[in-house]
Amino acid sequence: MRLDKFLKVSRIIKRRTVANEACDAERVTVNGRPAKASYDVKVGDRLSIRFGEKTLNVEVLQVAETVRKDDAAGMYREI
């Protein structure tokens, strides 16, 4: 699954276009490297997303095309 779609489906970022812009601005890193929106997310990847002063570090636990709102938080684990 594409990185921008994963961020939207897991509800880390609200909209896919915003996720795409965050990737273009190099505010999203995967395993320590800046990643493009087209990066293929895999289970075990460590994502780091910068929101202004705050940084969110997560580990991917599950990759699914569609997830209910209640189950979205189960796709990742905060580090």
N, C-alpha and C. Protein backbone atom coordinates (compact mmCIF):
# COMPACT_ATOMS: atom_id res chain seq x y z
N MET A 1 0.85 -1.17 0.00
CA MET A 1 0.00 0.00 0.00
C MET A 1 0.90 1.24 0.00
N ARG A 2 0.48 2.25 -0.73
CA ARG A 2 1.23 3.51 -0.78
C ARG A 2 1.27 4.18 0.59
N LEU A 3 2.34 4.90 0.86
CA LEU A 3 2.51 5.57 2.15
C LEU A 3 1.41 6.58 2.42
N ASP A 4 1.07 7.41 1.43
CA ASP A 4 0.03 8.42 1.66
C ASP A 4 -1.32 7.78 1.95
N LYS A 5 -1.62 6.67 1.29
CA LYS A 5 -2.89 5.97 1.54
C LYS A 5 -2.88 5.32 2.92
N PHE A 6 -1.73 4.76 3.34
CA PHE A 6 -1.64 4.16 4.67
C PHE A 6 -1.89 5.20 5.75
N LEU A 7 -1.30 6.39 5.60
CA LEU A 7 -1.48 7.44 6.60
C LEU A 7 -2.93 7.86 6.70
N LYS A 8 -3.65 7.85 5.57
CA LYS A 8 -5.07 8.21 5.58
C LYS A 8 -5.93 7.09 6.16
N VAL A 9 -5.72 5.85 5.69
CA VAL A 9 -6.54 4.72 6.15
C VAL A 9 -6.35 4.48 7.64
N SER A 10 -5.12 4.64 8.14
CA SER A 10 -4.86 4.43 9.57
C SER A 10 -5.28 5.64 10.40
N ARG A 11 -5.71 6.70 9.72
CA ARG A 11 -6.19 7.93 10.34
C ARG A 11 -5.12 8.65 11.15
N ILE A 12 -3.85 8.49 10.76
CA ILE A 12 -2.78 9.28 11.35
C ILE A 12 -2.88 10.70 10.79
N ILE A 13 -3.15 10.80 9.49
CA ILE A 13 -3.40 12.08 8.83
C ILE A 13 -4.80 12.01 8.23
N LYS A 14 -5.56 13.09 8.36
CA LYS A 14 -6.98 13.07 8.02
C LYS A 14 -7.28 12.89 6.54
N ARG A 15 -6.50 13.56 5.67
CA ARG A 15 -6.77 13.50 4.23
C ARG A 15 -5.55 13.01 3.46
N ARG A 16 -5.80 12.31 2.37
CA ARG A 16 -4.71 11.77 1.57
C ARG A 16 -3.89 12.88 0.91
N THR A 17 -4.53 13.97 0.50
CA THR A 17 -3.79 15.07 -0.12
C THR A 17 -2.84 15.71 0.89
N VAL A 18 -3.27 15.81 2.14
CA VAL A 18 -2.41 16.36 3.19
C VAL A 18 -1.24 15.41 3.45
N ALA A 19 -1.50 14.11 3.43
CA ALA A 19 -0.44 13.12 3.60
C ALA A 19 0.56 13.21 2.46
N ASN A 20 0.06 13.41 1.25
CA ASN A 20 0.91 13.54 0.08
C ASN A 20 1.81 14.77 0.19
N GLU A 21 1.24 15.89 0.64
CA GLU A 21 2.00 17.12 0.81
C GLU A 21 3.05 16.97 1.91
N ALA A 22 2.73 16.24 2.98
CA ALA A 22 3.70 16.01 4.06
C ALA A 22 4.89 15.20 3.55
N CYS A 23 4.63 14.23 2.70
CA CYS A 23 5.70 13.42 2.11
C CYS A 23 6.56 14.27 1.18
N ASP A 24 5.94 15.12 0.38
CA ASP A 24 6.68 16.00 -0.54
C ASP A 24 7.58 16.98 0.22
N ALA A 25 7.14 17.41 1.39
CA ALA A 25 7.91 18.36 2.20
C ALA A 25 8.94 17.66 3.09
N GLU A 26 9.09 16.34 2.92
CA GLU A 26 10.04 15.51 3.67
C GLU A 26 9.79 15.56 5.17
N ARG A 27 8.51 15.63 5.58
CA ARG A 27 8.16 15.58 6.99
C ARG A 27 7.87 14.16 7.44
N VAL A 28 7.89 13.20 6.50
CA VAL A 28 7.64 11.81 6.81
C VAL A 28 8.89 11.00 6.45
N THR A 29 9.39 10.23 7.43
CA THR A 29 10.53 9.36 7.16
C THR A 29 10.13 7.92 7.45
N VAL A 30 10.71 7.01 6.69
CA VAL A 30 10.47 5.58 6.88
C VAL A 30 11.82 4.94 7.16
N ASN A 31 11.95 4.29 8.31
CA ASN A 31 13.19 3.64 8.72
C ASN A 31 14.37 4.62 8.66
N GLY A 32 14.12 5.88 9.05
CA GLY A 32 15.17 6.88 9.12
C GLY A 32 15.47 7.63 7.83
N ARG A 33 14.79 7.32 6.75
CA ARG A 33 15.02 8.00 5.47
C ARG A 33 13.77 8.72 5.01
N PRO A 34 13.92 9.92 4.43
CA PRO A 34 12.74 10.61 3.87
C PRO A 34 12.10 9.75 2.79
N ALA A 35 10.76 9.68 2.82
CA ALA A 35 10.06 8.80 1.89
C ALA A 35 9.08 9.58 1.03
N LYS A 36 8.93 9.12 -0.21
CA LYS A 36 7.94 9.70 -1.11
C LYS A 36 6.58 9.07 -0.81
N ALA A 37 5.53 9.72 -1.29
CA ALA A 37 4.16 9.24 -1.07
C ALA A 37 3.94 7.89 -1.72
N SER A 38 4.72 7.55 -2.73
CA SER A 38 4.54 6.29 -3.45
C SER A 38 5.27 5.12 -2.80
N TYR A 39 5.96 5.35 -1.68
CA TYR A 39 6.68 4.28 -1.00
C TYR A 39 5.72 3.17 -0.61
N ASP A 40 6.13 1.91 -0.80
CA ASP A 40 5.29 0.75 -0.49
C ASP A 40 5.48 0.36 0.97
N VAL A 41 4.48 0.63 1.80
CA VAL A 41 4.55 0.36 3.24
C VAL A 41 4.44 -1.14 3.48
N LYS A 42 5.30 -1.65 4.39
CA LYS A 42 5.30 -3.06 4.76
C LYS A 42 5.20 -3.17 6.28
N VAL A 43 4.73 -4.32 6.75
CA VAL A 43 4.64 -4.57 8.18
C VAL A 43 6.06 -4.53 8.76
N GLY A 44 6.23 -3.82 9.87
CA GLY A 44 7.53 -3.70 10.51
C GLY A 44 8.23 -2.39 10.22
N ASP A 45 7.76 -1.63 9.23
CA ASP A 45 8.36 -0.32 8.93
C ASP A 45 8.14 0.63 10.10
N ARG A 46 9.13 1.48 10.34
CA ARG A 46 9.02 2.50 11.38
C ARG A 46 8.87 3.86 10.71
N LEU A 47 7.74 4.51 10.98
CA LEU A 47 7.44 5.81 10.39
C LEU A 47 7.64 6.90 11.42
N SER A 48 8.14 8.03 10.97
CA SER A 48 8.30 9.20 11.81
C SER A 48 7.66 10.37 11.08
N ILE A 49 6.64 10.97 11.69
CA ILE A 49 5.89 12.06 11.05
C ILE A 49 6.04 13.31 11.92
N ARG A 50 6.49 14.42 11.32
CA ARG A 50 6.65 15.67 12.04
C ARG A 50 5.44 16.56 11.83
N PHE A 51 4.81 16.95 12.94
CA PHE A 51 3.69 17.89 12.94
C PHE A 51 4.17 19.14 13.66
N GLY A 52 4.79 20.08 12.93
CA GLY A 52 5.32 21.28 13.56
C GLY A 52 6.43 20.93 14.53
N GLU A 53 6.23 21.20 15.82
CA GLU A 53 7.23 20.90 16.86
C GLU A 53 7.17 19.45 17.30
N LYS A 54 6.04 18.79 17.11
CA LYS A 54 5.82 17.43 17.60
C LYS A 54 6.21 16.39 16.55
N THR A 55 6.77 15.28 17.01
CA THR A 55 7.11 14.18 16.12
C THR A 55 6.40 12.92 16.61
N LEU A 56 5.72 12.24 15.69
CA LEU A 56 5.02 11.00 16.01
C LEU A 56 5.80 9.84 15.40
N ASN A 57 6.22 8.89 16.25
CA ASN A 57 6.94 7.70 15.79
C ASN A 57 6.04 6.50 15.95
N VAL A 58 5.84 5.75 14.85
CA VAL A 58 4.98 4.58 14.89
C VAL A 58 5.64 3.41 14.17
N GLU A 59 5.20 2.21 14.53
CA GLU A 59 5.62 1.00 13.85
C GLU A 59 4.39 0.39 13.19
N VAL A 60 4.51 -0.01 11.93
CA VAL A 60 3.40 -0.57 11.18
C VAL A 60 3.17 -2.02 11.64
N LEU A 61 1.96 -2.31 12.09
CA LEU A 61 1.61 -3.66 12.54
C LEU A 61 0.76 -4.41 11.51
N GLN A 62 0.00 -3.65 10.71
CA GLN A 62 -0.94 -4.27 9.78
C GLN A 62 -1.14 -3.33 8.60
N VAL A 63 -1.30 -3.91 7.42
CA VAL A 63 -1.60 -3.12 6.22
C VAL A 63 -2.90 -3.66 5.65
N ALA A 64 -3.93 -2.79 5.57
CA ALA A 64 -5.23 -3.20 5.05
C ALA A 64 -5.80 -2.07 4.21
N GLU A 65 -6.48 -2.42 3.13
CA GLU A 65 -7.04 -1.42 2.21
C GLU A 65 -8.16 -0.60 2.85
N THR A 66 -9.03 -1.25 3.58
CA THR A 66 -10.13 -0.54 4.25
C THR A 66 -10.22 -1.02 5.69
N VAL A 67 -10.44 -0.08 6.60
CA VAL A 67 -10.52 -0.39 8.02
C VAL A 67 -11.59 0.49 8.64
N ARG A 68 -12.37 -0.09 9.56
CA ARG A 68 -13.35 0.71 10.28
C ARG A 68 -12.65 1.68 11.21
N LYS A 69 -13.31 2.76 11.55
CA LYS A 69 -12.72 3.79 12.39
C LYS A 69 -12.23 3.23 13.72
N ASP A 70 -12.98 2.32 14.31
CA ASP A 70 -12.62 1.74 15.60
C ASP A 70 -11.35 0.88 15.51
N ASP A 71 -11.10 0.28 14.34
CA ASP A 71 -9.97 -0.63 14.18
C ASP A 71 -8.73 0.04 13.60
N ALA A 72 -8.83 1.32 13.24
CA ALA A 72 -7.71 2.02 12.58
C ALA A 72 -6.48 2.09 13.46
N ALA A 73 -6.65 2.28 14.75
CA ALA A 73 -5.50 2.40 15.65
C ALA A 73 -4.74 1.08 15.77
N GLY A 74 -5.34 -0.03 15.39
CA GLY A 74 -4.68 -1.33 15.44
C GLY A 74 -3.71 -1.55 14.30
N MET A 75 -3.67 -0.63 13.35
CA MET A 75 -2.76 -0.78 12.21
C MET A 75 -1.34 -0.36 12.55
N TYR A 76 -1.16 0.35 13.67
CA TYR A 76 0.15 0.83 14.05
C TYR A 76 0.30 0.87 15.55
N ARG A 77 1.54 0.97 15.99
CA ARG A 77 1.83 1.07 17.44
C ARG A 77 2.76 2.25 17.64
N GLU A 78 2.40 3.14 18.57
CA GLU A 78 3.26 4.30 18.86
C GLU A 78 4.49 3.84 19.60
N ILE A 79 5.62 4.44 19.23
CA ILE A 79 6.90 4.09 19.86
C ILE A 79 7.31 5.22 20.79
